[in-house]
């Protein structure tokens, strides 16, 4: 009878050791998971910041692209004004208004 009790006690202690070992593994996994979760939260914040910066840069690039175009429009307006002024001056000079 005592042999059976010893065998039972050994089995219980063996199973308890296995369970404790598994619990240690679960704690390691939980720690790793917690660190991964925190890293993903930080990465999410970084990605949001990068999106804001990229959007700002896109707006700046569009503004820079628009500048030469606006200069051409201004130059064209000036040329047209000069031509119209010259034509009107020529016509007025021909008519005789000095």
N, C-alpha and C. Protein backbone atom coordinates (compact mmCIF):
# COMPACT_ATOMS: atom_id res chain seq x y z
N UNK A 1 0.82 -1.18 0.00
CA UNK A 1 0.00 0.00 0.00
C UNK A 1 0.87 1.26 0.00
N UNK A 2 1.90 1.18 0.81
CA UNK A 2 2.80 2.33 0.89
C UNK A 2 3.50 2.55 -0.44
N UNK A 3 3.78 1.50 -1.16
CA UNK A 3 4.39 1.62 -2.49
C UNK A 3 3.47 2.38 -3.44
N UNK A 4 2.17 2.10 -3.36
CA UNK A 4 1.21 2.78 -4.21
C UNK A 4 1.14 4.26 -3.85
N UNK A 5 1.20 4.56 -2.56
CA UNK A 5 1.18 5.95 -2.13
C UNK A 5 2.43 6.68 -2.61
N UNK A 6 3.56 6.00 -2.54
CA UNK A 6 4.81 6.60 -3.02
C UNK A 6 4.75 6.83 -4.54
N UNK A 7 4.23 5.83 -5.24
CA UNK A 7 4.10 5.97 -6.70
C UNK A 7 3.16 7.13 -7.05
N UNK A 8 2.05 7.19 -6.31
CA UNK A 8 1.09 8.27 -6.54
C UNK A 8 1.73 9.63 -6.24
N UNK A 9 2.47 9.69 -5.14
CA UNK A 9 3.13 10.94 -4.76
C UNK A 9 4.17 11.35 -5.81
N UNK A 10 4.89 10.37 -6.32
CA UNK A 10 5.89 10.65 -7.36
C UNK A 10 5.20 11.15 -8.64
N UNK A 11 4.09 10.51 -8.98
CA UNK A 11 3.35 10.94 -10.17
C UNK A 11 2.83 12.38 -10.01
N UNK A 12 2.30 12.67 -8.84
CA UNK A 12 1.78 14.02 -8.59
C UNK A 12 2.92 15.03 -8.64
N UNK A 13 4.03 14.72 -8.00
CA UNK A 13 5.17 15.64 -8.01
C UNK A 13 5.74 15.82 -9.42
N UNK A 14 5.76 14.75 -10.19
CA UNK A 14 6.24 14.83 -11.56
C UNK A 14 5.32 15.72 -12.38
N UNK A 15 4.03 15.51 -12.23
CA UNK A 15 3.07 16.34 -12.97
C UNK A 15 3.15 17.80 -12.53
N UNK A 16 3.35 18.00 -11.25
CA UNK A 16 3.48 19.36 -10.73
C UNK A 16 4.72 20.05 -11.32
N UNK A 17 5.80 19.31 -11.42
CA UNK A 17 7.03 19.86 -12.02
C UNK A 17 6.80 20.23 -13.48
N UNK A 18 6.09 19.37 -14.19
CA UNK A 18 5.78 19.65 -15.60
C UNK A 18 4.91 20.90 -15.71
N UNK A 19 3.92 21.02 -14.85
CA UNK A 19 3.04 22.19 -14.86
C UNK A 19 3.83 23.46 -14.55
N UNK A 20 4.70 23.41 -13.55
CA UNK A 20 5.51 24.58 -13.21
C UNK A 20 6.42 24.97 -14.37
N UNK A 21 6.96 23.97 -15.03
CA UNK A 21 7.81 24.25 -16.20
C UNK A 21 7.02 24.94 -17.29
N UNK A 22 5.80 24.46 -17.52
CA UNK A 22 4.95 25.07 -18.54
C UNK A 22 4.57 26.50 -18.14
N UNK A 23 4.30 26.71 -16.86
CA UNK A 23 3.98 28.06 -16.39
C UNK A 23 5.15 29.01 -16.62
N UNK A 24 6.36 28.54 -16.38
CA UNK A 24 7.54 29.37 -16.65
C UNK A 24 7.61 29.73 -18.13
N UNK A 25 7.34 28.75 -18.98
CA UNK A 25 7.33 29.01 -20.42
C UNK A 25 6.25 30.03 -20.78
N UNK A 26 5.07 29.90 -20.18
CA UNK A 26 3.99 30.84 -20.45
C UNK A 26 4.36 32.25 -20.01
N UNK A 27 5.06 32.36 -18.88
CA UNK A 27 5.49 33.69 -18.42
C UNK A 27 6.48 34.31 -19.41
N UNK A 28 7.37 33.50 -19.96
CA UNK A 28 8.31 34.00 -20.96
C UNK A 28 7.55 34.45 -22.21
N UNK A 29 6.59 33.65 -22.62
CA UNK A 29 5.79 33.99 -23.80
C UNK A 29 4.99 35.27 -23.53
N UNK A 30 4.42 35.38 -22.33
CA UNK A 30 3.65 36.57 -21.99
C UNK A 30 4.55 37.82 -22.02
N UNK A 31 5.76 37.71 -21.50
CA UNK A 31 6.69 38.83 -21.50
C UNK A 31 7.05 39.22 -22.94
N UNK A 32 7.33 38.24 -23.76
CA UNK A 32 7.65 38.51 -25.17
C UNK A 32 6.47 39.16 -25.88
N UNK A 33 5.27 38.67 -25.61
CA UNK A 33 4.07 39.22 -26.22
C UNK A 33 3.84 40.66 -25.77
N UNK A 34 4.06 40.94 -24.51
CA UNK A 34 3.89 42.29 -23.98
C UNK A 34 4.87 43.26 -24.64
N UNK A 35 6.13 42.82 -24.78
CA UNK A 35 7.13 43.67 -25.43
C UNK A 35 6.75 43.91 -26.90
N UNK A 36 6.28 42.86 -27.57
CA UNK A 36 5.88 43.00 -28.97
C UNK A 36 4.69 43.96 -29.10
N UNK A 37 3.77 43.89 -28.18
CA UNK A 37 2.61 44.79 -28.19
C UNK A 37 3.05 46.23 -28.01
N UNK A 38 3.95 46.47 -27.06
CA UNK A 38 4.45 47.84 -26.85
C UNK A 38 5.21 48.35 -28.07
N UNK A 39 6.00 47.49 -28.68
CA UNK A 39 6.72 47.88 -29.89
C UNK A 39 5.75 48.23 -31.01
N UNK A 40 4.68 47.47 -31.14
CA UNK A 40 3.71 47.75 -32.21
C UNK A 40 2.99 49.07 -31.95
N UNK A 41 2.72 49.41 -30.68
CA UNK A 41 2.10 50.70 -30.37
C UNK A 41 3.05 51.84 -30.74
N UNK A 42 4.32 51.69 -30.42
CA UNK A 42 5.30 52.72 -30.77
C UNK A 42 5.43 52.84 -32.29
N UNK A 43 5.45 51.71 -32.97
CA UNK A 43 5.53 51.72 -34.43
C UNK A 43 4.32 52.41 -35.04
N UNK A 44 3.15 52.19 -34.45
CA UNK A 44 1.94 52.82 -34.95
C UNK A 44 2.04 54.34 -34.81
N UNK A 45 2.56 54.82 -33.69
CA UNK A 45 2.74 56.26 -33.50
C UNK A 45 3.75 56.80 -34.52
N UNK A 46 4.84 56.07 -34.72
CA UNK A 46 5.85 56.50 -35.68
C UNK A 46 5.27 56.57 -37.09
N UNK A 47 4.47 55.60 -37.45
CA UNK A 47 3.85 55.58 -38.78
C UNK A 47 2.91 56.77 -38.95
N UNK A 48 2.15 57.09 -37.90
CA UNK A 48 1.26 58.25 -37.98
C UNK A 48 2.06 59.53 -38.18
N UNK A 49 3.16 59.66 -37.45
CA UNK A 49 4.02 60.85 -37.61
C UNK A 49 4.60 60.91 -39.02
N UNK A 50 5.02 59.77 -39.54
CA UNK A 50 5.57 59.74 -40.90
C UNK A 50 4.51 60.12 -41.94
N UNK A 51 3.28 59.67 -41.74
CA UNK A 51 2.21 60.02 -42.67
C UNK A 51 1.99 61.53 -42.67
N UNK A 52 2.00 62.13 -41.48
CA UNK A 52 1.82 63.59 -41.40
C UNK A 52 2.95 64.32 -42.12
N UNK A 53 4.18 63.85 -41.92
CA UNK A 53 5.32 64.48 -42.56
C UNK A 53 5.28 64.32 -44.07
N UNK A 54 4.89 63.15 -44.54
CA UNK A 54 4.81 62.91 -45.98
C UNK A 54 3.73 63.80 -46.60
N UNK A 55 2.60 63.94 -45.92
CA UNK A 55 1.53 64.81 -46.41
C UNK A 55 2.03 66.25 -46.51
N UNK A 56 2.75 66.69 -45.48
CA UNK A 56 3.29 68.05 -45.49
C UNK A 56 4.30 68.23 -46.63
N UNK A 57 5.14 67.23 -46.83
CA UNK A 57 6.12 67.29 -47.92
C UNK A 57 5.44 67.31 -49.29
N UNK A 58 4.37 66.55 -49.43
CA UNK A 58 3.64 66.54 -50.71
C UNK A 58 3.08 67.93 -51.01
N UNK A 59 2.54 68.59 -49.98
CA UNK A 59 2.01 69.95 -50.17
C UNK A 59 3.14 70.90 -50.56
N UNK A 60 4.29 70.77 -49.89
CA UNK A 60 5.43 71.64 -50.21
C UNK A 60 5.90 71.42 -51.65
N UNK A 61 5.97 70.16 -52.07
CA UNK A 61 6.41 69.85 -53.43
C UNK A 61 5.43 70.42 -54.45
N UNK A 62 4.14 70.32 -54.17
CA UNK A 62 3.15 70.88 -55.09
C UNK A 62 3.33 72.40 -55.20
N UNK A 63 3.60 73.04 -54.07
CA UNK A 63 3.84 74.48 -54.08
C UNK A 63 5.07 74.84 -54.89
N UNK A 64 6.11 74.05 -54.75
CA UNK A 64 7.35 74.29 -55.51
C UNK A 64 7.11 74.06 -57.00
N UNK A 65 6.33 73.06 -57.35
CA UNK A 65 6.01 72.80 -58.75
C UNK A 65 5.21 73.95 -59.35
N UNK A 66 4.36 74.55 -58.54
CA UNK A 66 3.48 75.61 -59.02
C UNK A 66 4.23 76.92 -59.28
N UNK A 67 5.34 77.15 -58.60
CA UNK A 67 6.05 78.42 -58.73
C UNK A 67 6.50 78.73 -60.16
N UNK A 68 7.19 77.83 -60.87
CA UNK A 68 7.59 78.16 -62.25
C UNK A 68 6.39 78.43 -63.15
N UNK A 69 5.34 77.71 -62.96
CA UNK A 69 4.13 77.90 -63.77
C UNK A 69 3.58 79.30 -63.54
N UNK A 70 3.53 79.72 -62.27
CA UNK A 70 3.03 81.05 -61.95
C UNK A 70 3.93 82.12 -62.54
N UNK A 71 5.23 81.90 -62.56
CA UNK A 71 6.16 82.86 -63.15
C UNK A 71 5.90 83.02 -64.65
N UNK A 72 5.64 81.90 -65.33
CA UNK A 72 5.34 81.98 -66.76
C UNK A 72 4.06 82.76 -67.01
N UNK A 73 3.06 82.55 -66.18
CA UNK A 73 1.81 83.30 -66.33
C UNK A 73 2.05 84.79 -66.12
N UNK A 74 2.84 85.13 -65.12
CA UNK A 74 3.15 86.54 -64.87
C UNK A 74 3.92 87.14 -66.05
N UNK A 75 4.90 86.40 -66.58
CA UNK A 75 5.68 86.88 -67.71
C UNK A 75 4.79 87.07 -68.93
N UNK A 76 3.92 86.10 -69.18
CA UNK A 76 3.01 86.19 -70.31
C UNK A 76 2.09 87.39 -70.17
N UNK A 77 1.58 87.64 -68.96
CA UNK A 77 0.73 88.82 -68.72
C UNK A 77 1.49 90.11 -68.97
N UNK A 78 2.73 90.16 -68.55
CA UNK A 78 3.55 91.35 -68.77
C UNK A 78 3.79 91.58 -70.26
N UNK A 79 4.12 90.52 -70.99
CA UNK A 79 4.36 90.63 -72.44
C UNK A 79 3.10 91.12 -73.15
N UNK A 80 1.95 90.56 -72.79
CA UNK A 80 0.70 90.97 -73.42
C UNK A 80 0.42 92.44 -73.11
N UNK A 81 0.65 92.87 -71.88
CA UNK A 81 0.45 94.28 -71.50
C UNK A 81 1.36 95.19 -72.30
N UNK A 82 2.62 94.81 -72.48
CA UNK A 82 3.57 95.62 -73.24
C UNK A 82 3.13 95.72 -74.70
N UNK A 83 2.70 94.60 -75.28
CA UNK A 83 2.28 94.60 -76.68
C UNK A 83 1.05 95.50 -76.85
N UNK A 84 0.06 95.35 -75.97
CA UNK A 84 -1.15 96.18 -76.07
C UNK A 84 -0.79 97.65 -75.91
N UNK A 85 0.07 97.97 -74.96
CA UNK A 85 0.49 99.36 -74.76
C UNK A 85 1.20 99.89 -76.00
N UNK A 86 2.06 99.09 -76.61
CA UNK A 86 2.77 99.51 -77.81
C UNK A 86 1.81 99.74 -78.96
N UNK A 87 0.82 98.85 -79.12
CA UNK A 87 -0.15 99.00 -80.21
C UNK A 87 -0.97 100.26 -80.00
N UNK A 88 -1.46 100.46 -78.78
CA UNK A 88 -2.27 101.65 -78.50
C UNK A 88 -1.43 102.91 -78.71
N UNK A 89 -0.19 102.91 -78.26
CA UNK A 89 0.70 104.06 -78.45
C UNK A 89 0.94 104.31 -79.93
N UNK A 90 1.15 103.26 -80.69
CA UNK A 90 1.36 103.39 -82.14
C UNK A 90 0.14 103.99 -82.80
N UNK A 91 -1.04 103.50 -82.45
CA UNK A 91 -2.29 104.00 -83.05
C UNK A 91 -2.49 105.47 -82.69
N UNK A 92 -2.27 105.79 -81.43
CA UNK A 92 -2.43 107.18 -81.00
C UNK A 92 -1.41 108.10 -81.68
N UNK A 93 -0.21 107.60 -81.93
CA UNK A 93 0.82 108.40 -82.61
C UNK A 93 0.42 108.61 -84.06
N UNK A 94 -0.19 107.64 -84.71
CA UNK A 94 -0.63 107.77 -86.09
C UNK A 94 -1.78 108.75 -86.23
N UNK A 95 -2.66 108.74 -85.24
CA UNK A 95 -3.80 109.63 -85.27
C UNK A 95 -3.34 111.07 -85.07
N UNK A 96 -2.31 111.22 -84.34
CA UNK A 96 -1.76 112.54 -84.15
C UNK A 96 -1.88 113.05 -82.75
N UNK A 97 -2.25 112.24 -81.83
CA UNK A 97 -2.30 112.68 -80.44
C UNK A 97 -0.92 112.48 -79.85
N UNK A 98 -0.31 113.60 -79.47
CA UNK A 98 1.06 113.52 -78.94
C UNK A 98 1.04 113.66 -77.46
